[in-house]
Amino acid sequence: MFNWFYTLRRNIKNLIKWFPIIWSDRDWDYHYILAILQAKLEFTKQFFLSDNTYCVEANETANEVSEVLEILDRLIKNQYLEEALKPFDEKYPDYDWRLEFEQCDNGYYKLINKNTPEQEELKWKCYREEEKAKEKDFDDLFILLRKNIENWWD
């Protein structure tokens, strides 16, 4: 009887704990998958930092989980482009990112590229750096998970 009551109580606490995360969940973007993973790992970290664990290496496990959480935080915030564009912004502090369109004789519009070849080259270099940084974080995330996740139990 006690086991049933304990399980019911724990499951109700889990429902309450997970309700805000599930309530905000959507099916159309990887961001939501990362948010669910982030929540689960945050709960895991809190557990290993608590007095409820029997694991001798609880602090080490919490540190490993923290490392993954830092990567997840960067992926969720998705500020890679802002970081990658810093060299461009420093070189061209007054650059206007607006797109301009010019009407053609046939009534259609064409996009006018205001960039100099030097600006265009630096801009695309920044875009490639953004992709590299994001790709590295995804690689690091899944490498760390693959390496450690089976050891994160009590």
Foldseek 3Di string as FASTA:
>chain_A
DVVVVVVVVVVVVVCVLCVVLVVPADDPDCLSVLSVVLSVLVVLLVCLVDPPDPDPCSVVLSVLSVVLNVLSVCLNVLCLLVVLCVVVCVVPVPDDPDWDWDADPVRDIDIDDPDDPVSVVSSVVSVVSSVVVNVVSVVVNVVSCVVPVVVSDD
